[in-house]
Full PDB file with SEQRES, HELIX, SHEET, SSBOND, CRYST1, ORIGX, SCALE, CONECT and MASTER records, all heavy atoms in Angstrom:
SEQRES   1 A   40  GLY ALA TYR GLY VAL PHE SER VAL GLN PRO ALA GLN ASP          
SEQRES   2 A   40  ALA PRO HIS PHE ALA GLU GLY GLU VAL ARG LEU GLY VAL          
SEQRES   3 A   40  ASN VAL ALA ASP ALA ALA HIS ALA ALA GLY VAL ARG HIS          
SEQRES   4 A   40  LEU                                                          
HELIX    1 AA1 GLU A   21  ALA A   35  1                                  15    
CRYST1    1.000    1.000    1.000  90.00  90.00  90.00 P 1           1          
ORIGX1      1.000000  0.000000  0.000000        0.00000                         
ORIGX2      0.000000  1.000000  0.000000        0.00000                         
ORIGX3      0.000000  0.000000  1.000000        0.00000                         
SCALE1      1.000000  0.000000  0.000000        0.00000                         
SCALE2      0.000000  1.000000  0.000000        0.00000                         
SCALE3      0.000000  0.000000  1.000000        0.00000                         
ATOM      1  N   GLY A   1     100.242 117.491 114.625  1.00  0.00           N  
ATOM      2  CA  GLY A   1      99.437 118.611 114.348  1.00  0.00           C  
ATOM      3  C   GLY A   1      98.646 118.421 113.029  1.00  0.00           C  
ATOM      4  O   GLY A   1      97.845 119.304 112.605  1.00  0.00           O  
ATOM      5  N   ALA A   2      98.800 117.244 112.326  1.00  0.00           N  
ATOM      6  CA  ALA A   2      98.106 117.092 111.028  1.00  0.00           C  
ATOM      7  C   ALA A   2      96.609 116.716 111.376  1.00  0.00           C  
ATOM      8  O   ALA A   2      96.338 115.870 112.273  1.00  0.00           O  
ATOM      9  CB  ALA A   2      98.787 116.019 110.233  1.00  0.00           C  
ATOM     10  N   TYR A   3      95.712 117.175 110.520  1.00  0.00           N  
ATOM     11  CA  TYR A   3      94.279 116.710 110.489  1.00  0.00           C  
ATOM     12  C   TYR A   3      94.130 115.369 109.876  1.00  0.00           C  
ATOM     13  O   TYR A   3      93.426 114.526 110.323  1.00  0.00           O  
ATOM     14  CB  TYR A   3      93.468 117.731 109.841  1.00  0.00           C  
ATOM     15  CG  TYR A   3      92.145 117.221 109.445  1.00  0.00           C  
ATOM     16  CD1 TYR A   3      91.073 117.242 110.353  1.00  0.00           C  
ATOM     17  CD2 TYR A   3      91.901 116.728 108.124  1.00  0.00           C  
ATOM     18  CE1 TYR A   3      89.759 116.704 110.020  1.00  0.00           C  
ATOM     19  CE2 TYR A   3      90.604 116.253 107.789  1.00  0.00           C  
ATOM     20  CZ  TYR A   3      89.642 116.130 108.709  1.00  0.00           C  
ATOM     21  OH  TYR A   3      88.410 115.656 108.431  1.00  0.00           O  
ATOM     22  N   GLY A   4      94.828 115.194 108.687  1.00  0.00           N  
ATOM     23  CA  GLY A   4      94.736 113.923 107.992  1.00  0.00           C  
ATOM     24  C   GLY A   4      96.065 113.437 107.474  1.00  0.00           C  
ATOM     25  O   GLY A   4      97.072 114.242 107.456  1.00  0.00           O  
ATOM     26  N   VAL A   5      96.071 112.244 107.011  1.00  0.00           N  
ATOM     27  CA  VAL A   5      97.239 111.557 106.462  1.00  0.00           C  
ATOM     28  C   VAL A   5      96.790 110.788 105.176  1.00  0.00           C  
ATOM     29  O   VAL A   5      95.817 110.061 105.253  1.00  0.00           O  
ATOM     30  CB  VAL A   5      97.915 110.660 107.445  1.00  0.00           C  
ATOM     31  CG1 VAL A   5      99.023 109.820 106.661  1.00  0.00           C  
ATOM     32  CG2 VAL A   5      98.524 111.364 108.587  1.00  0.00           C  
ATOM     33  N   PHE A   6      97.551 111.052 104.114  1.00  0.00           N  
ATOM     34  CA  PHE A   6      97.283 110.127 102.923  1.00  0.00           C  
ATOM     35  C   PHE A   6      98.530 109.144 102.913  1.00  0.00           C  
ATOM     36  O   PHE A   6      99.642 109.562 102.925  1.00  0.00           O  
ATOM     37  CB  PHE A   6      97.382 110.994 101.685  1.00  0.00           C  
ATOM     38  CG  PHE A   6      97.295 110.050 100.409  1.00  0.00           C  
ATOM     39  CD1 PHE A   6      96.032 109.558  99.988  1.00  0.00           C  
ATOM     40  CD2 PHE A   6      98.393 109.798  99.635  1.00  0.00           C  
ATOM     41  CE1 PHE A   6      95.891 108.696  98.911  1.00  0.00           C  
ATOM     42  CE2 PHE A   6      98.315 108.976  98.511  1.00  0.00           C  
ATOM     43  CZ  PHE A   6      97.081 108.440  98.121  1.00  0.00           C  
ATOM     44  N   SER A   7      98.216 107.902 102.920  1.00  0.00           N  
ATOM     45  CA  SER A   7      99.243 106.818 103.048  1.00  0.00           C  
ATOM     46  C   SER A   7      99.304 105.958 101.857  1.00  0.00           C  
ATOM     47  O   SER A   7      98.236 105.420 101.360  1.00  0.00           O  
ATOM     48  CB  SER A   7      98.902 105.923 104.268  1.00  0.00           C  
ATOM     49  OG  SER A   7      99.746 104.866 104.395  1.00  0.00           O  
ATOM     50  N   VAL A   8     100.476 105.912 101.290  1.00  0.00           N  
ATOM     51  CA  VAL A   8     100.775 104.970 100.134  1.00  0.00           C  
ATOM     52  C   VAL A   8     102.147 104.522 100.239  1.00  0.00           C  
ATOM     53  O   VAL A   8     103.096 105.296 100.532  1.00  0.00           O  
ATOM     54  CB  VAL A   8     100.436 105.767  98.751  1.00  0.00           C  
ATOM     55  CG1 VAL A   8     101.390 106.891  98.511  1.00  0.00           C  
ATOM     56  CG2 VAL A   8     100.519 104.683  97.596  1.00  0.00           C  
ATOM     57  N   GLN A   9     102.403 103.291  99.901  1.00  0.00           N  
ATOM     58  CA  GLN A   9     103.712 102.716  99.970  1.00  0.00           C  
ATOM     59  C   GLN A   9     104.138 102.031  98.556  1.00  0.00           C  
ATOM     60  O   GLN A   9     103.220 101.546  97.926  1.00  0.00           O  
ATOM     61  CB  GLN A   9     103.909 101.664 101.059  1.00  0.00           C  
ATOM     62  CG  GLN A   9     103.773 102.204 102.511  1.00  0.00           C  
ATOM     63  CD  GLN A   9     102.429 102.595 102.810  1.00  0.00           C  
ATOM     64  OE1 GLN A   9     101.415 101.923 102.615  1.00  0.00           O  
ATOM     65  NE2 GLN A   9     102.195 103.804 103.430  1.00  0.00           N  
ATOM     66  N   PRO A  10     105.406 102.032  98.257  1.00  0.00           N  
ATOM     67  CA  PRO A  10     105.787 101.244  97.061  1.00  0.00           C  
ATOM     68  C   PRO A  10     105.586  99.747  97.292  1.00  0.00           C  
ATOM     69  O   PRO A  10     105.757  99.306  98.418  1.00  0.00           O  
ATOM     70  CB  PRO A  10     107.289 101.584  96.867  1.00  0.00           C  
ATOM     71  CG  PRO A  10     107.763 101.986  98.278  1.00  0.00           C  
ATOM     72  CD  PRO A  10     106.590 102.654  98.891  1.00  0.00           C  
ATOM     73  N   ALA A  11     105.193  99.042  96.269  1.00  0.00           N  
ATOM     74  CA  ALA A  11     104.884  97.641  96.413  1.00  0.00           C  
ATOM     75  C   ALA A  11     106.296  96.846  96.664  1.00  0.00           C  
ATOM     76  O   ALA A  11     107.287  97.320  96.245  1.00  0.00           O  
ATOM     77  CB  ALA A  11     104.223  97.077  95.172  1.00  0.00           C  
ATOM     78  N   GLN A  12     106.175  95.694  97.356  1.00  0.00           N  
ATOM     79  CA  GLN A  12     107.309  94.955  97.624  1.00  0.00           C  
ATOM     80  C   GLN A  12     107.727  94.134  96.366  1.00  0.00           C  
ATOM     81  O   GLN A  12     108.819  93.523  96.369  1.00  0.00           O  
ATOM     82  CB  GLN A  12     107.172  94.113  98.840  1.00  0.00           C  
ATOM     83  CG  GLN A  12     106.126  93.041  98.643  1.00  0.00           C  
ATOM     84  CD  GLN A  12     105.744  92.369 100.040  1.00  0.00           C  
ATOM     85  OE1 GLN A  12     106.151  92.820 101.043  1.00  0.00           O  
ATOM     86  NE2 GLN A  12     105.005  91.280  99.974  1.00  0.00           N  
ATOM     87  N   ASP A  13     106.862  94.150  95.360  1.00  0.00           N  
ATOM     88  CA  ASP A  13     107.208  93.337  94.149  1.00  0.00           C  
ATOM     89  C   ASP A  13     107.533  94.259  93.025  1.00  0.00           C  
ATOM     90  O   ASP A  13     107.523  95.500  93.173  1.00  0.00           O  
ATOM     91  CB  ASP A  13     106.050  92.389  93.848  1.00  0.00           C  
ATOM     92  CG  ASP A  13     105.854  91.337  94.892  1.00  0.00           C  
ATOM     93  OD1 ASP A  13     106.900  90.608  95.183  1.00  0.00           O  
ATOM     94  OD2 ASP A  13     104.775  91.283  95.466  1.00  0.00           O  
ATOM     95  N   ALA A  14     107.678  93.739  91.866  1.00  0.00           N  
ATOM     96  CA  ALA A  14     108.019  94.484  90.643  1.00  0.00           C  
ATOM     97  C   ALA A  14     106.894  95.594  90.370  1.00  0.00           C  
ATOM     98  O   ALA A  14     105.783  95.263  90.718  1.00  0.00           O  
ATOM     99  CB  ALA A  14     108.144  93.511  89.424  1.00  0.00           C  
ATOM    100  N   PRO A  15     107.242  96.757  89.962  1.00  0.00           N  
ATOM    101  CA  PRO A  15     108.603  97.104  89.456  1.00  0.00           C  
ATOM    102  C   PRO A  15     109.465  97.843  90.576  1.00  0.00           C  
ATOM    103  O   PRO A  15     110.568  98.186  90.406  1.00  0.00           O  
ATOM    104  CB  PRO A  15     108.436  98.135  88.376  1.00  0.00           C  
ATOM    105  CG  PRO A  15     107.098  98.856  88.846  1.00  0.00           C  
ATOM    106  CD  PRO A  15     106.322  97.728  89.532  1.00  0.00           C  
ATOM    107  N   HIS A  16     108.947  97.888  91.823  1.00  0.00           N  
ATOM    108  CA  HIS A  16     109.600  98.713  92.874  1.00  0.00           C  
ATOM    109  C   HIS A  16     110.556  97.744  93.660  1.00  0.00           C  
ATOM    110  O   HIS A  16     111.655  98.220  94.055  1.00  0.00           O  
ATOM    111  CB  HIS A  16     108.626  99.387  93.771  1.00  0.00           C  
ATOM    112  CG  HIS A  16     107.689 100.287  92.977  1.00  0.00           C  
ATOM    113  ND1 HIS A  16     108.103 101.445  92.469  1.00  0.00           N  
ATOM    114  CD2 HIS A  16     106.368 100.180  92.697  1.00  0.00           C  
ATOM    115  CE1 HIS A  16     107.107 102.062  91.881  1.00  0.00           C  
ATOM    116  NE2 HIS A  16     106.002 101.305  91.990  1.00  0.00           N  
ATOM    117  N   PHE A  17     110.109  96.618  94.032  1.00  0.00           N  
ATOM    118  CA  PHE A  17     110.895  95.650  94.900  1.00  0.00           C  
ATOM    119  C   PHE A  17     111.332  96.385  96.143  1.00  0.00           C  
ATOM    120  O   PHE A  17     112.519  96.244  96.586  1.00  0.00           O  
ATOM    121  CB  PHE A  17     112.087  95.132  94.103  1.00  0.00           C  
ATOM    122  CG  PHE A  17     111.775  94.214  93.032  1.00  0.00           C  
ATOM    123  CD1 PHE A  17     111.872  94.731  91.633  1.00  0.00           C  
ATOM    124  CD2 PHE A  17     111.282  92.944  93.165  1.00  0.00           C  
ATOM    125  CE1 PHE A  17     111.580  93.874  90.602  1.00  0.00           C  
ATOM    126  CE2 PHE A  17     110.921  92.176  92.129  1.00  0.00           C  
ATOM    127  CZ  PHE A  17     111.083  92.589  90.821  1.00  0.00           C  
ATOM    128  N   ALA A  18     110.400  97.156  96.712  1.00  0.00           N  
ATOM    129  CA  ALA A  18     110.780  97.784  98.053  1.00  0.00           C  
ATOM    130  C   ALA A  18     110.589  96.777  99.150  1.00  0.00           C  
ATOM    131  O   ALA A  18     109.612  96.104  99.143  1.00  0.00           O  
ATOM    132  CB  ALA A  18     109.777  99.030  98.255  1.00  0.00           C  
ATOM    133  N   GLU A  19     111.502  96.730  99.998  1.00  0.00           N  
ATOM    134  CA  GLU A  19     111.493  95.827 101.150  1.00  0.00           C  
ATOM    135  C   GLU A  19     110.517  96.337 102.257  1.00  0.00           C  
ATOM    136  O   GLU A  19     110.519  97.516 102.528  1.00  0.00           O  
ATOM    137  CB  GLU A  19     112.892  95.565 101.775  1.00  0.00           C  
ATOM    138  CG  GLU A  19     113.754  94.830 100.808  1.00  0.00           C  
ATOM    139  CD  GLU A  19     115.093  94.478 101.464  1.00  0.00           C  
ATOM    140  OE1 GLU A  19     115.229  94.763 102.732  1.00  0.00           O  
ATOM    141  OE2 GLU A  19     115.976  93.994 100.818  1.00  0.00           O  
ATOM    142  N   GLY A  20     109.844  95.451 102.800  1.00  0.00           N  
ATOM    143  CA  GLY A  20     108.964  95.868 103.963  1.00  0.00           C  
ATOM    144  C   GLY A  20     107.841  96.774 103.720  1.00  0.00           C  
ATOM    145  O   GLY A  20     107.521  97.699 104.517  1.00  0.00           O  
ATOM    146  N   GLU A  21     107.040  96.501 102.638  1.00  0.00           N  
ATOM    147  CA  GLU A  21     105.866  97.351 102.391  1.00  0.00           C  
ATOM    148  C   GLU A  21     104.912  97.353 103.544  1.00  0.00           C  
ATOM    149  O   GLU A  21     104.452  98.429 104.006  1.00  0.00           O  
ATOM    150  CB  GLU A  21     105.207  96.820 101.178  1.00  0.00           C  
ATOM    151  CG  GLU A  21     103.902  97.665 100.889  1.00  0.00           C  
ATOM    152  CD  GLU A  21     103.043  97.152  99.707  1.00  0.00           C  
ATOM    153  OE1 GLU A  21     103.441  96.007  99.083  1.00  0.00           O  
ATOM    154  OE2 GLU A  21     101.933  97.673  99.452  1.00  0.00           O  
ATOM    155  N   VAL A  22     104.704  96.243 104.144  1.00  0.00           N  
ATOM    156  CA  VAL A  22     103.756  96.084 105.320  1.00  0.00           C  
ATOM    157  C   VAL A  22     104.307  96.988 106.429  1.00  0.00           C  
ATOM    158  O   VAL A  22     103.603  97.702 107.120  1.00  0.00           O  
ATOM    159  CB  VAL A  22     103.501  94.644 105.690  1.00  0.00           C  
ATOM    160  CG1 VAL A  22     102.697  94.592 107.033  1.00  0.00           C  
ATOM    161  CG2 VAL A  22     102.802  93.892 104.591  1.00  0.00           C  
ATOM    162  N   ARG A  23     105.614  96.882 106.750  1.00  0.00           N  
ATOM    163  CA  ARG A  23     106.232  97.606 107.847  1.00  0.00           C  
ATOM    164  C   ARG A  23     106.023  99.043 107.645  1.00  0.00           C  
ATOM    165  O   ARG A  23     105.796  99.848 108.547  1.00  0.00           O  
ATOM    166  CB  ARG A  23     107.665  97.209 107.959  1.00  0.00           C  
ATOM    167  CG  ARG A  23     108.407  97.935 109.111  1.00  0.00           C  
ATOM    168  CD  ARG A  23     109.875  97.457 109.192  1.00  0.00           C  
ATOM    169  NE  ARG A  23     110.576  97.718 107.936  1.00  0.00           N  
ATOM    170  CZ  ARG A  23     111.292  98.849 107.767  1.00  0.00           C  
ATOM    171  NH1 ARG A  23     111.233  99.865 108.514  1.00  0.00           N  
ATOM    172  NH2 ARG A  23     111.960  98.978 106.571  1.00  0.00           N  
ATOM    173  N   LEU A  24     106.200  99.507 106.356  1.00  0.00           N  
ATOM    174  CA  LEU A  24     106.126 100.956 106.099  1.00  0.00           C  
ATOM    175  C   LEU A  24     104.639 101.483 106.267  1.00  0.00           C  
ATOM    176  O   LEU A  24     104.417 102.471 106.886  1.00  0.00           O  
ATOM    177  CB  LEU A  24     106.564 101.275 104.694  1.00  0.00           C  
ATOM    178  CG  LEU A  24     108.053 100.897 104.308  1.00  0.00           C  
ATOM    179  CD1 LEU A  24     108.372 101.393 102.902  1.00  0.00           C  
ATOM    180  CD2 LEU A  24     108.941 101.549 105.358  1.00  0.00           C  
ATOM    181  N   GLY A  25     103.695 100.671 105.807  1.00  0.00           N  
ATOM    182  CA  GLY A  25     102.336 101.015 105.937  1.00  0.00           C  
ATOM    183  C   GLY A  25     101.824 101.032 107.371  1.00  0.00           C  
ATOM    184  O   GLY A  25     101.052 101.823 107.806  1.00  0.00           O  
ATOM    185  N   VAL A  26     102.362 100.030 108.138  1.00  0.00           N  
ATOM    186  CA  VAL A  26     101.999  99.978 109.609  1.00  0.00           C  
ATOM    187  C   VAL A  26     102.626 101.161 110.331  1.00  0.00           C  
ATOM    188  O   VAL A  26     102.008 101.769 111.139  1.00  0.00           O  
ATOM    189  CB  VAL A  26     102.524  98.603 110.193  1.00  0.00           C  
ATOM    190  CG1 VAL A  26     102.595  98.687 111.688  1.00  0.00           C  
ATOM    191  CG2 VAL A  26     101.688  97.522 109.743  1.00  0.00           C  
ATOM    192  N   ASN A  27     103.839 101.511 109.937  1.00  0.00           N  
ATOM    193  CA  ASN A  27     104.467 102.677 110.564  1.00  0.00           C  
ATOM    194  C   ASN A  27     103.681 103.927 110.329  1.00  0.00           C  
ATOM    195  O   ASN A  27     103.461 104.776 111.298  1.00  0.00           O  
ATOM    196  CB  ASN A  27     105.882 102.936 109.927  1.00  0.00           C  
ATOM    197  CG  ASN A  27     106.981 102.078 110.611  1.00  0.00           C  
ATOM    198  OD1 ASN A  27     106.674 101.370 111.608  1.00  0.00           O  
ATOM    199  ND2 ASN A  27     108.172 102.041 110.068  1.00  0.00           N  
ATOM    200  N   VAL A  28     103.195 104.103 109.111  1.00  0.00           N  
ATOM    201  CA  VAL A  28     102.403 105.353 108.824  1.00  0.00           C  
ATOM    202  C   VAL A  28     101.092 105.301 109.675  1.00  0.00           C  
ATOM    203  O   VAL A  28     100.647 106.350 110.271  1.00  0.00           O  
ATOM    204  CB  VAL A  28     102.079 105.461 107.314  1.00  0.00           C  
ATOM    205  CG1 VAL A  28     101.145 106.643 107.068  1.00  0.00           C  
ATOM    206  CG2 VAL A  28     103.429 105.720 106.527  1.00  0.00           C  
ATOM    207  N   ALA A  29     100.421 104.235 109.686  1.00  0.00           N  
ATOM    208  CA  ALA A  29      99.172 104.090 110.443  1.00  0.00           C  
ATOM    209  C   ALA A  29      99.470 104.324 111.973  1.00  0.00           C  
ATOM    210  O   ALA A  29      98.723 105.085 112.570  1.00  0.00           O  
ATOM    211  CB  ALA A  29      98.517 102.694 110.207  1.00  0.00           C  
ATOM    212  N   ASP A  30     100.511 103.835 112.440  1.00  0.00           N  
ATOM    213  CA  ASP A  30     100.849 103.957 113.929  1.00  0.00           C  
ATOM    214  C   ASP A  30     101.159 105.372 114.204  1.00  0.00           C  
ATOM    215  O   ASP A  30     100.708 105.924 115.305  1.00  0.00           O  
ATOM    216  CB  ASP A  30     102.011 103.022 114.276  1.00  0.00           C  
ATOM    217  CG  ASP A  30     101.640 101.563 114.360  1.00  0.00           C  
ATOM    218  OD1 ASP A  30     100.373 101.270 114.301  1.00  0.00           O  
ATOM    219  OD2 ASP A  30     102.519 100.778 114.410  1.00  0.00           O  
ATOM    220  N   ALA A  31     101.921 106.113 113.312  1.00  0.00           N  
ATOM    221  CA  ALA A  31     102.195 107.434 113.527  1.00  0.00           C  
ATOM    222  C   ALA A  31     100.994 108.264 113.515  1.00  0.00           C  
ATOM    223  O   ALA A  31     100.782 109.281 114.284  1.00  0.00           O  
ATOM    224  CB  ALA A  31     103.216 107.902 112.529  1.00  0.00           C  
ATOM    225  N   ALA A  32     100.049 107.986 112.549  1.00  0.00           N  
ATOM    226  CA  ALA A  32      98.773 108.762 112.486  1.00  0.00           C  
ATOM    227  C   ALA A  32      97.995 108.545 113.693  1.00  0.00           C  
ATOM    228  O   ALA A  32      97.376 109.476 114.271  1.00  0.00           O  
ATOM    229  CB  ALA A  32      98.040 108.302 111.260  1.00  0.00           C  
ATOM    230  N   HIS A  33      97.950 107.307 114.233  1.00  0.00           N  
ATOM    231  CA  HIS A  33      97.180 106.968 115.518  1.00  0.00           C  
ATOM    232  C   HIS A  33      97.764 107.750 116.669  1.00  0.00           C  
ATOM    233  O   HIS A  33      97.016 108.304 117.429  1.00  0.00           O  
ATOM    234  CB  HIS A  33      97.203 105.470 115.668  1.00  0.00           C  
ATOM    235  CG  HIS A  33      96.374 105.020 116.815  1.00  0.00           C  
ATOM    236  ND1 HIS A  33      96.969 104.694 118.030  1.00  0.00           N  
ATOM    237  CD2 HIS A  33      95.021 104.877 117.028  1.00  0.00           C  
ATOM    238  CE1 HIS A  33      96.019 104.334 118.827  1.00  0.00           C  
ATOM    239  NE2 HIS A  33      94.797 104.485 118.231  1.00  0.00           N  
ATOM    240  N   ALA A  34      99.112 107.707 116.791  1.00  0.00           N  
ATOM    241  CA  ALA A  34      99.763 108.384 117.927  1.00  0.00           C  
ATOM    242  C   ALA A  34      99.545 109.922 117.857  1.00  0.00           C  
ATOM    243  O   ALA A  34      99.520 110.476 118.920  1.00  0.00           O  
ATOM    244  CB  ALA A  34     101.270 107.994 117.869  1.00  0.00           C  
ATOM    245  N   ALA A  35      99.428 110.403 116.707  1.00  0.00           N  
ATOM    246  CA  ALA A  35      99.216 111.913 116.570  1.00  0.00           C  
ATOM    247  C   ALA A  35      97.729 112.289 116.734  1.00  0.00           C  
ATOM    248  O   ALA A  35      97.511 113.536 116.668  1.00  0.00           O  
ATOM    249  CB  ALA A  35      99.829 112.348 115.248  1.00  0.00           C  
ATOM    250  N   GLY A  36      96.816 111.348 116.801  1.00  0.00           N  
ATOM    251  CA  GLY A  36      95.507 111.723 116.858  1.00  0.00           C  
ATOM    252  C   GLY A  36      94.899 112.238 115.654  1.00  0.00           C  
ATOM    253  O   GLY A  36      93.990 113.054 115.619  1.00  0.00           O  
ATOM    254  N   VAL A  37      95.391 111.719 114.532  1.00  0.00           N  
ATOM    255  CA  VAL A  37      94.930 112.245 113.174  1.00  0.00           C  
ATOM    256  C   VAL A  37      93.393 111.861 113.062  1.00  0.00           C  
ATOM    257  O   VAL A  37      93.014 110.822 113.426  1.00  0.00           O  
ATOM    258  CB  VAL A  37      95.752 111.525 112.091  1.00  0.00           C  
ATOM    259  CG1 VAL A  37      95.048 111.649 110.724  1.00  0.00           C  
ATOM    260  CG2 VAL A  37      97.153 112.208 112.011  1.00  0.00           C  
ATOM    261  N   ARG A  38      92.692 112.756 112.507  1.00  0.00           N  
ATOM    262  CA  ARG A  38      91.198 112.649 112.448  1.00  0.00           C  
ATOM    263  C   ARG A  38      90.759 111.920 111.135  1.00  0.00           C  
ATOM    264  O   ARG A  38      89.590 111.536 111.082  1.00  0.00           O  
ATOM    265  CB  ARG A  38      90.601 113.976 112.562  1.00  0.00           C  
ATOM    266  CG  ARG A  38      90.710 114.557 113.911  1.00  0.00           C  
ATOM    267  CD  ARG A  38      90.417 116.001 114.063  1.00  0.00           C  
ATOM    268  NE  ARG A  38      89.059 116.372 113.667  1.00  0.00           N  
ATOM    269  CZ  ARG A  38      88.656 117.596 113.592  1.00  0.00           C  
ATOM    270  NH1 ARG A  38      89.443 118.552 113.813  1.00  0.00           N  
ATOM    271  NH2 ARG A  38      87.376 117.782 113.242  1.00  0.00           N  
ATOM    272  N   HIS A  39      91.619 111.746 110.163  1.00  0.00           N  
ATOM    273  CA  HIS A  39      91.214 111.008 108.916  1.00  0.00           C  
ATOM    274  C   HIS A  39      92.435 110.495 108.135  1.00  0.00           C  
ATOM    275  O   HIS A  39      93.325 111.363 107.828  1.00  0.00           O  
ATOM    276  CB  HIS A  39      90.430 111.999 107.991  1.00  0.00           C  
ATOM    277  CG  HIS A  39      89.670 111.343 106.986  1.00  0.00           C  
ATOM    278  ND1 HIS A  39      88.846 111.989 106.093  1.00  0.00           N  
ATOM    279  CD2 HIS A  39      89.601 110.025 106.520  1.00  0.00           C  
ATOM    280  CE1 HIS A  39      88.329 111.198 105.155  1.00  0.00           C  
ATOM    281  NE2 HIS A  39      88.746 109.919 105.448  1.00  0.00           N  
ATOM    282  N   LEU A  40      92.480 109.251 107.974  1.00  0.00           N  
ATOM    283  CA  LEU A  40      93.576 108.591 107.264  1.00  0.00           C  
ATOM    284  C   LEU A  40      92.933 108.086 105.985  1.00  0.00           C  
ATOM    285  O   LEU A  40      91.860 107.397 105.996  1.00  0.00           O  
ATOM    286  CB  LEU A  40      94.168 107.434 108.038  1.00  0.00           C  
ATOM    287  CG  LEU A  40      95.142 106.524 107.279  1.00  0.00           C  
ATOM    288  CD1 LEU A  40      96.502 107.199 107.198  1.00  0.00           C  
ATOM    289  CD2 LEU A  40      95.281 105.175 107.897  1.00  0.00           C  
TER     290      LEU A  40                                                      
MASTER        0    0    0    1    0    0    0    6  289    1    0    4          
END                                                                             
């Protein structure tokens, strides 16, 4: 039901060292696409 999505992920390097930045960003984009979001 969302019109738009703002997508940001923690970096996989310092200082966050979050694993799987690409996977998280892809997940958000895929969810936006599946929901028919009109602006990412």
